[in-house]
Amino acid sequence: MGAGTTANGDSLDGALEFASRNETGPAGMTMLYDVSYRAWRTYGVTTQPWVVLFDANGEMIYSAPGRVDMSTVATALGV
């Protein structure tokens, strides 16, 4: 899931354009536009970009600023 907010000048129109331009990622991820920053606060996100990964049980297993490559994802997931 991608979580857009008004941080860094984002807007709902900008988030929709980003999702359209990028086809919301290779897995067709869901985009969430959160004007309240609740998602950010819940997961400790303080800047963009930021990556949060969850395991199959919904437990957060990785959280860090910046982009992430697939080898980091594989390591976090233990595969």
PDB file of N, CA and C in Angstrom:
ATOM      1  N   MET A   1       0.854  -1.156   0.000  1.00  0.00           N
ATOM      2  CA  MET A   1       0.000   0.000   0.000  1.00  0.00           C
ATOM      3  C   MET A   1       0.901   1.220   0.000  1.00  0.00           C
ATOM      4  N   GLY A   2       0.559   2.198  -0.773  1.00  0.00           N
ATOM      5  CA  GLY A   2       1.232   3.485  -0.725  1.00  0.00           C
ATOM      6  C   GLY A   2       0.376   4.447   0.068  1.00  0.00           C
ATOM      7  N   ALA A   3       1.010   5.240   0.945  1.00  0.00           N
ATOM      8  CA  ALA A   3       0.259   6.187   1.766  1.00  0.00           C
ATOM      9  C   ALA A   3       0.720   7.599   1.451  1.00  0.00           C
ATOM     10  N   GLY A   4      -0.091   8.339   0.734  1.00  0.00           N
ATOM     11  CA  GLY A   4       0.222   9.726   0.428  1.00  0.00           C
ATOM     12  C   GLY A   4      -0.397  10.654   1.454  1.00  0.00           C
ATOM     13  N   THR A   5       0.250  11.799   1.683  1.00  0.00           N
ATOM     14  CA  THR A   5      -0.279  12.814   2.592  1.00  0.00           C
ATOM     15  C   THR A   5       0.020  14.183   2.006  1.00  0.00           C
ATOM     16  N   THR A   6      -0.285  15.206   2.764  1.00  0.00           N
ATOM     17  CA  THR A   6       0.010  16.560   2.307  1.00  0.00           C
ATOM     18  C   THR A   6       1.455  16.952   2.585  1.00  0.00           C
ATOM     19  N   ALA A   7       2.250  16.052   3.148  1.00  0.00           N
ATOM     20  CA  ALA A   7       3.661  16.325   3.395  1.00  0.00           C
ATOM     21  C   ALA A   7       4.383  16.597   2.074  1.00  0.00           C
ATOM     22  N   ASN A   8       5.372  17.428   2.132  1.00  0.00           N
ATOM     23  CA  ASN A   8       6.193  17.739   0.953  1.00  0.00           C
ATOM     24  C   ASN A   8       5.357  18.267  -0.209  1.00  0.00           C
ATOM     25  N   GLY A   9       4.225  18.917   0.119  1.00  0.00           N
ATOM     26  CA  GLY A   9       3.420  19.528  -0.925  1.00  0.00           C
ATOM     27  C   GLY A   9       2.535  18.579  -1.695  1.00  0.00           C
ATOM     28  N   ASP A  10       2.380  17.342  -1.225  1.00  0.00           N
ATOM     29  CA  ASP A  10       1.502  16.392  -1.910  1.00  0.00           C
ATOM     30  C   ASP A  10       0.059  16.890  -1.881  1.00  0.00           C
ATOM     31  N   SER A  11      -0.699  16.450  -2.848  1.00  0.00           N
ATOM     32  CA  SER A  11      -2.130  16.732  -2.894  1.00  0.00           C
ATOM     33  C   SER A  11      -2.823  15.449  -3.344  1.00  0.00           C
ATOM     34  N   LEU A  12      -4.118  15.384  -3.152  1.00  0.00           N
ATOM     35  CA  LEU A  12      -4.856  14.220  -3.622  1.00  0.00           C
ATOM     36  C   LEU A  12      -4.693  14.067  -5.126  1.00  0.00           C
ATOM     37  N   ASP A  13      -4.809  15.160  -5.875  1.00  0.00           N
ATOM     38  CA  ASP A  13      -4.617  15.089  -7.327  1.00  0.00           C
ATOM     39  C   ASP A  13      -3.226  14.578  -7.668  1.00  0.00           C
ATOM     40  N   GLY A  14      -2.209  15.054  -6.923  1.00  0.00           N
ATOM     41  CA  GLY A  14      -0.843  14.597  -7.154  1.00  0.00           C
ATOM     42  C   GLY A  14      -0.675  13.121  -6.863  1.00  0.00           C
ATOM     43  N   ALA A  15      -1.313  12.646  -5.799  1.00  0.00           N
ATOM     44  CA  ALA A  15      -1.238  11.229  -5.452  1.00  0.00           C
ATOM     45  C   ALA A  15      -1.916  10.370  -6.516  1.00  0.00           C
ATOM     46  N   LEU A  16      -3.053  10.821  -7.004  1.00  0.00           N
ATOM     47  CA  LEU A  16      -3.754  10.083  -8.058  1.00  0.00           C
ATOM     48  C   LEU A  16      -2.946  10.056  -9.344  1.00  0.00           C
ATOM     49  N   GLU A  17      -2.303  11.175  -9.657  1.00  0.00           N
ATOM     50  CA  GLU A  17      -1.467  11.233 -10.862  1.00  0.00           C
ATOM     51  C   GLU A  17      -0.273  10.299 -10.706  1.00  0.00           C
ATOM     52  N   PHE A  18       0.362  10.285  -9.529  1.00  0.00           N
ATOM     53  CA  PHE A  18       1.482   9.382  -9.262  1.00  0.00           C
ATOM     54  C   PHE A  18       1.044   7.934  -9.426  1.00  0.00           C
ATOM     55  N   ALA A  19      -0.098   7.588  -8.833  1.00  0.00           N
ATOM     56  CA  ALA A  19      -0.599   6.216  -8.921  1.00  0.00           C
ATOM     57  C   ALA A  19      -0.857   5.824 -10.368  1.00  0.00           C
ATOM     58  N   SER A  20      -1.427   6.729 -11.142  1.00  0.00           N
ATOM     59  CA  SER A  20      -1.707   6.452 -12.548  1.00  0.00           C
ATOM     60  C   SER A  20      -0.420   6.314 -13.354  1.00  0.00           C
ATOM     61  N   ARG A  21       0.507   7.241 -13.128  1.00  0.00           N
ATOM     62  CA  ARG A  21       1.772   7.246 -13.870  1.00  0.00           C
ATOM     63  C   ARG A  21       2.604   6.009 -13.559  1.00  0.00           C
ATOM     64  N   ASN A  22       2.566   5.556 -12.320  1.00  0.00           N
ATOM     65  CA  ASN A  22       3.394   4.435 -11.891  1.00  0.00           C
ATOM     66  C   ASN A  22       2.626   3.124 -11.773  1.00  0.00           C
ATOM     67  N   GLU A  23       1.395   3.118 -12.195  1.00  0.00           N
ATOM     68  CA  GLU A  23       0.538   1.938 -12.113  1.00  0.00           C
ATOM     69  C   GLU A  23       0.564   1.357 -10.712  1.00  0.00           C
ATOM     70  N   THR A  24       0.769   2.216  -9.708  1.00  0.00           N
ATOM     71  CA  THR A  24       0.835   1.867  -8.287  1.00  0.00           C
ATOM     72  C   THR A  24       1.654   0.614  -8.013  1.00  0.00           C
ATOM     73  N   GLY A  25       2.789   0.521  -8.695  1.00  0.00           N
ATOM     74  CA  GLY A  25       3.748  -0.531  -8.390  1.00  0.00           C
ATOM     75  C   GLY A  25       3.486  -1.823  -9.124  1.00  0.00           C
ATOM     76  N   PRO A  26       4.486  -2.712  -9.081  1.00  0.00           N
ATOM     77  CA  PRO A  26       4.397  -3.966  -9.825  1.00  0.00           C
ATOM     78  C   PRO A  26       3.302  -4.892  -9.328  1.00  0.00           C
ATOM     79  N   ALA A  27       2.902  -4.765  -8.075  1.00  0.00           N
ATOM     80  CA  ALA A  27       1.869  -5.654  -7.547  1.00  0.00           C
ATOM     81  C   ALA A  27       0.491  -5.003  -7.594  1.00  0.00           C
ATOM     82  N   GLY A  28       0.385  -3.833  -8.239  1.00  0.00           N
ATOM     83  CA  GLY A  28      -0.895  -3.139  -8.268  1.00  0.00           C
ATOM     84  C   GLY A  28      -1.338  -2.736  -6.876  1.00  0.00           C
ATOM     85  N   MET A  29      -0.380  -2.214  -6.084  1.00  0.00           N
ATOM     86  CA  MET A  29      -0.684  -1.896  -4.686  1.00  0.00           C
ATOM     87  C   MET A  29      -1.754  -0.827  -4.561  1.00  0.00           C
ATOM     88  N   THR A  30      -2.409  -0.836  -3.447  1.00  0.00           N
ATOM     89  CA  THR A  30      -3.441   0.137  -3.124  1.00  0.00           C
ATOM     90  C   THR A  30      -2.797   1.437  -2.681  1.00  0.00           C
ATOM     91  N   MET A  31      -3.334   2.562  -3.129  1.00  0.00           N
ATOM     92  CA  MET A  31      -2.878   3.869  -2.665  1.00  0.00           C
ATOM     93  C   MET A  31      -3.878   4.409  -1.658  1.00  0.00           C
ATOM     94  N   LEU A  32      -3.372   4.903  -0.536  1.00  0.00           N
ATOM     95  CA  LEU A  32      -4.174   5.510   0.512  1.00  0.00           C
ATOM     96  C   LEU A  32      -3.755   6.964   0.623  1.00  0.00           C
ATOM     97  N   TYR A  33      -4.693   7.894   0.567  1.00  0.00           N
ATOM     98  CA  TYR A  33      -4.383   9.307   0.768  1.00  0.00           C
ATOM     99  C   TYR A  33      -4.898   9.698   2.141  1.00  0.00           C
ATOM    100  N   ASP A  34      -3.978   9.994   3.043  1.00  0.00           N
ATOM    101  CA  ASP A  34      -4.287  10.175   4.459  1.00  0.00           C
ATOM    102  C   ASP A  34      -4.045  11.618   4.886  1.00  0.00           C
ATOM    103  N   VAL A  35      -5.074  12.441   4.860  1.00  0.00           N
ATOM    104  CA  VAL A  35      -4.912  13.855   5.221  1.00  0.00           C
ATOM    105  C   VAL A  35      -4.669  14.033   6.719  1.00  0.00           C
ATOM    106  N   SER A  36      -4.940  13.031   7.515  1.00  0.00           N
ATOM    107  CA  SER A  36      -4.792  13.139   8.967  1.00  0.00           C
ATOM    108  C   SER A  36      -3.397  12.736   9.467  1.00  0.00           C
ATOM    109  N   TYR A  37      -2.585  12.124   8.614  1.00  0.00           N
ATOM    110  CA  TYR A  37      -1.265  11.591   8.981  1.00  0.00           C
ATOM    111  C   TYR A  37      -1.372  10.420   9.958  1.00  0.00           C
ATOM    112  N   ARG A  38      -2.549   9.870  10.146  1.00  0.00           N
ATOM    113  CA  ARG A  38      -2.719   8.767  11.090  1.00  0.00           C
ATOM    114  C   ARG A  38      -1.833   7.571  10.718  1.00  0.00           C
ATOM    115  N   ALA A  39      -1.790   7.222   9.436  1.00  0.00           N
ATOM    116  CA  ALA A  39      -0.956   6.096   9.003  1.00  0.00           C
ATOM    117  C   ALA A  39       0.511   6.371   9.307  1.00  0.00           C
ATOM    118  N   TRP A  40       0.955   7.602   9.048  1.00  0.00           N
ATOM    119  CA  TRP A  40       2.343   7.961   9.344  1.00  0.00           C
ATOM    120  C   TRP A  40       2.627   7.792  10.829  1.00  0.00           C
ATOM    121  N   ARG A  41       1.778   8.358  11.672  1.00  0.00           N
ATOM    122  CA  ARG A  41       2.003   8.291  13.122  1.00  0.00           C
ATOM    123  C   ARG A  41       1.960   6.847  13.619  1.00  0.00           C
ATOM    124  N   THR A  42       1.028   6.065  13.109  1.00  0.00           N
ATOM    125  CA  THR A  42       0.883   4.681  13.545  1.00  0.00           C
ATOM    126  C   THR A  42       2.150   3.880  13.305  1.00  0.00           C
ATOM    127  N   TYR A  43       2.806   4.119  12.169  1.00  0.00           N
ATOM    128  CA  TYR A  43       3.976   3.320  11.794  1.00  0.00           C
ATOM    129  C   TYR A  43       5.296   4.063  11.949  1.00  0.00           C
ATOM    130  N   GLY A  44       5.283   5.237  12.578  1.00  0.00           N
ATOM    131  CA  GLY A  44       6.523   5.957  12.856  1.00  0.00           C
ATOM    132  C   GLY A  44       7.172   6.613  11.658  1.00  0.00           C
ATOM    133  N   VAL A  45       6.421   6.808  10.593  1.00  0.00           N
ATOM    134  CA  VAL A  45       6.951   7.440   9.386  1.00  0.00           C
ATOM    135  C   VAL A  45       7.117   8.934   9.632  1.00  0.00           C
ATOM    136  N   THR A  46       8.277   9.479   9.257  1.00  0.00           N
ATOM    137  CA  THR A  46       8.537  10.901   9.475  1.00  0.00           C
ATOM    138  C   THR A  46       8.906  11.664   8.216  1.00  0.00           C
ATOM    139  N   THR A  47       9.089  10.967   7.108  1.00  0.00           N
ATOM    140  CA  THR A  47       9.487  11.618   5.862  1.00  0.00           C
ATOM    141  C   THR A  47       9.120  10.729   4.685  1.00  0.00           C
ATOM    142  N   GLN A  48       9.244  11.260   3.486  1.00  0.00           N
ATOM    143  CA  GLN A  48       9.046  10.469   2.266  1.00  0.00           C
ATOM    144  C   GLN A  48      10.347  10.422   1.495  1.00  0.00           C
ATOM    145  N   PRO A  49      10.691   9.344   0.834  1.00  0.00           N
ATOM    146  CA  PRO A  49      10.014   8.045   0.903  1.00  0.00           C
ATOM    147  C   PRO A  49      10.358   7.315   2.198  1.00  0.00           C
ATOM    148  N   TRP A  50       9.519   6.374   2.551  1.00  0.00           N
ATOM    149  CA  TRP A  50       9.700   5.529   3.739  1.00  0.00           C
ATOM    150  C   TRP A  50       9.105   4.173   3.409  1.00  0.00           C
ATOM    151  N   VAL A  51       9.747   3.124   3.856  1.00  0.00           N
ATOM    152  CA  VAL A  51       9.269   1.766   3.574  1.00  0.00           C
ATOM    153  C   VAL A  51       8.941   1.062   4.876  1.00  0.00           C
ATOM    154  N   VAL A  52       7.760   0.475   4.948  1.00  0.00           N
ATOM    155  CA  VAL A  52       7.348  -0.359   6.067  1.00  0.00           C
ATOM    156  C   VAL A  52       6.920  -1.700   5.486  1.00  0.00           C
ATOM    157  N   LEU A  53       7.497  -2.782   5.990  1.00  0.00           N
ATOM    158  CA  LEU A  53       7.137  -4.124   5.534  1.00  0.00           C
ATOM    159  C   LEU A  53       6.486  -4.894   6.668  1.00  0.00           C
ATOM    160  N   PHE A  54       5.490  -5.704   6.322  1.00  0.00           N
ATOM    161  CA  PHE A  54       4.777  -6.532   7.279  1.00  0.00           C
ATOM    162  C   PHE A  54       4.899  -7.988   6.867  1.00  0.00           C
ATOM    163  N   ASP A  55       4.937  -8.877   7.845  1.00  0.00           N
ATOM    164  CA  ASP A  55       4.943 -10.300   7.521  1.00  0.00           C
ATOM    165  C   ASP A  55       3.512 -10.786   7.288  1.00  0.00           C
ATOM    166  N   ALA A  56       3.372 -12.074   7.039  1.00  0.00           N
ATOM    167  CA  ALA A  56       2.054 -12.637   6.727  1.00  0.00           C
ATOM    168  C   ALA A  56       1.076 -12.527   7.895  1.00  0.00           C
ATOM    169  N   ASN A  57       1.592 -12.314   9.102  1.00  0.00           N
ATOM    170  CA  ASN A  57       0.733 -12.169  10.287  1.00  0.00           C
ATOM    171  C   ASN A  57       0.398 -10.710  10.590  1.00  0.00           C
ATOM    172  N   GLY A  58       0.853  -9.806   9.730  1.00  0.00           N
ATOM    173  CA  GLY A  58       0.575  -8.395   9.938  1.00  0.00           C
ATOM    174  C   GLY A  58       1.529  -7.703  10.890  1.00  0.00           C
ATOM    175  N   GLU A  59       2.610  -8.373  11.279  1.00  0.00           N
ATOM    176  CA  GLU A  59       3.606  -7.785  12.168  1.00  0.00           C
ATOM    177  C   GLU A  59       4.601  -6.960  11.354  1.00  0.00           C
ATOM    178  N   MET A  60       4.914  -5.759  11.838  1.00  0.00           N
ATOM    179  CA  MET A  60       5.896  -4.924  11.151  1.00  0.00           C
ATOM    180  C   MET A  60       7.279  -5.549  11.331  1.00  0.00           C
ATOM    181  N   ILE A  61       7.958  -5.815  10.214  1.00  0.00           N
ATOM    182  CA  ILE A  61       9.268  -6.453  10.279  1.00  0.00           C
ATOM    183  C   ILE A  61      10.389  -5.568   9.739  1.00  0.00           C
ATOM    184  N   TYR A  62      10.031  -4.446   9.136  1.00  0.00           N
ATOM    185  CA  TYR A  62      11.044  -3.543   8.592  1.00  0.00           C
ATOM    186  C   TYR A  62      10.424  -2.161   8.486  1.00  0.00           C
ATOM    187  N   SER A  63      11.177  -1.160   8.914  1.00  0.00           N
ATOM    188  CA  SER A  63      10.708   0.218   8.799  1.00  0.00           C
ATOM    189  C   SER A  63      11.935   1.114   8.712  1.00  0.00           C
ATOM    190  N   ALA A  64      12.064   1.841   7.599  1.00  0.00           N
ATOM    191  CA  ALA A  64      13.235   2.699   7.410  1.00  0.00           C
ATOM    192  C   ALA A  64      12.940   3.753   6.351  1.00  0.00           C
ATOM    193  N   PRO A  65      13.587   4.903   6.493  1.00  0.00           N
ATOM    194  CA  PRO A  65      13.437   5.925   5.460  1.00  0.00           C
ATOM    195  C   PRO A  65      14.156   5.505   4.183  1.00  0.00           C
ATOM    196  N   GLY A  66      13.709   6.050   3.076  1.00  0.00           N
ATOM    197  CA  GLY A  66      14.353   5.783   1.795  1.00  0.00           C
ATOM    198  C   GLY A  66      13.646   4.709   1.002  1.00  0.00           C
ATOM    199  N   ARG A  67      14.233   4.412  -0.108  1.00  0.00           N
ATOM    200  CA  ARG A  67      13.701   3.358  -0.970  1.00  0.00           C
ATOM    201  C   ARG A  67      14.297   2.026  -0.521  1.00  0.00           C
ATOM    202  N   VAL A  68      13.728   0.940  -0.999  1.00  0.00           N
ATOM    203  CA  VAL A  68      14.219  -0.386  -0.622  1.00  0.00           C
ATOM    204  C   VAL A  68      14.360  -1.235  -1.877  1.00  0.00           C
ATOM    205  N   ASP A  69      15.418  -2.044  -1.912  1.00  0.00           N
ATOM    206  CA  ASP A  69      15.586  -2.942  -3.049  1.00  0.00           C
ATOM    207  C   ASP A  69      15.051  -4.339  -2.659  1.00  0.00           C
ATOM    208  N   MET A  70      14.881  -5.159  -3.660  1.00  0.00           N
ATOM    209  CA  MET A  70      14.250  -6.464  -3.430  1.00  0.00           C
ATOM    210  C   MET A  70      15.109  -7.374  -2.553  1.00  0.00           C
ATOM    211  N   SER A  71      16.429  -7.227  -2.548  1.00  0.00           N
ATOM    212  CA  SER A  71      17.254  -8.068  -1.674  1.00  0.00           C
ATOM    213  C   SER A  71      17.001  -7.720  -0.206  1.00  0.00           C
ATOM    214  N   THR A  72      16.760  -6.445   0.091  1.00  0.00           N
ATOM    215  CA  THR A  72      16.427  -6.039   1.459  1.00  0.00           C
ATOM    216  C   THR A  72      15.068  -6.605   1.856  1.00  0.00           C
ATOM    217  N   VAL A  73      14.122  -6.580   0.926  1.00  0.00           N
ATOM    218  CA  VAL A  73      12.795  -7.158   1.183  1.00  0.00           C
ATOM    219  C   VAL A  73      12.932  -8.651   1.468  1.00  0.00           C
ATOM    220  N   ALA A  74      13.688  -9.358   0.637  1.00  0.00           N
ATOM    221  CA  ALA A  74      13.871 -10.799   0.810  1.00  0.00           C
ATOM    222  C   ALA A  74      14.509 -11.113   2.160  1.00  0.00           C
ATOM    223  N   THR A  75      15.518 -10.332   2.539  1.00  0.00           N
ATOM    224  CA  THR A  75      16.180 -10.545   3.836  1.00  0.00           C
ATOM    225  C   THR A  75      15.194 -10.307   4.982  1.00  0.00           C
ATOM    226  N   ALA A  76      14.423  -9.232   4.909  1.00  0.00           N
ATOM    227  CA  ALA A  76      13.448  -8.919   5.954  1.00  0.00           C
ATOM    228  C   ALA A  76      12.399 -10.021   6.084  1.00  0.00           C
ATOM    229  N   LEU A  77      12.027 -10.604   4.955  1.00  0.00           N
ATOM    230  CA  LEU A  77      11.002 -11.659   4.948  1.00  0.00           C
ATOM    231  C   LEU A  77      11.604 -13.040   5.240  1.00  0.00           C
ATOM    232  N   GLY A  78      12.940 -13.112   5.292  1.00  0.00           N
ATOM    233  CA  GLY A  78      13.600 -14.390   5.571  1.00  0.00           C
ATOM    234  C   GLY A  78      13.534 -15.371   4.430  1.00  0.00           C
ATOM    235  N   VAL A  79      13.530 -14.854   3.212  1.00  0.00           N
ATOM    236  CA  VAL A  79      13.492 -15.753   2.053  1.00  0.00           C
ATOM    237  C   VAL A  79      14.754 -15.648   1.233  1.00  0.00           C
TER     238      VAL A  79
END
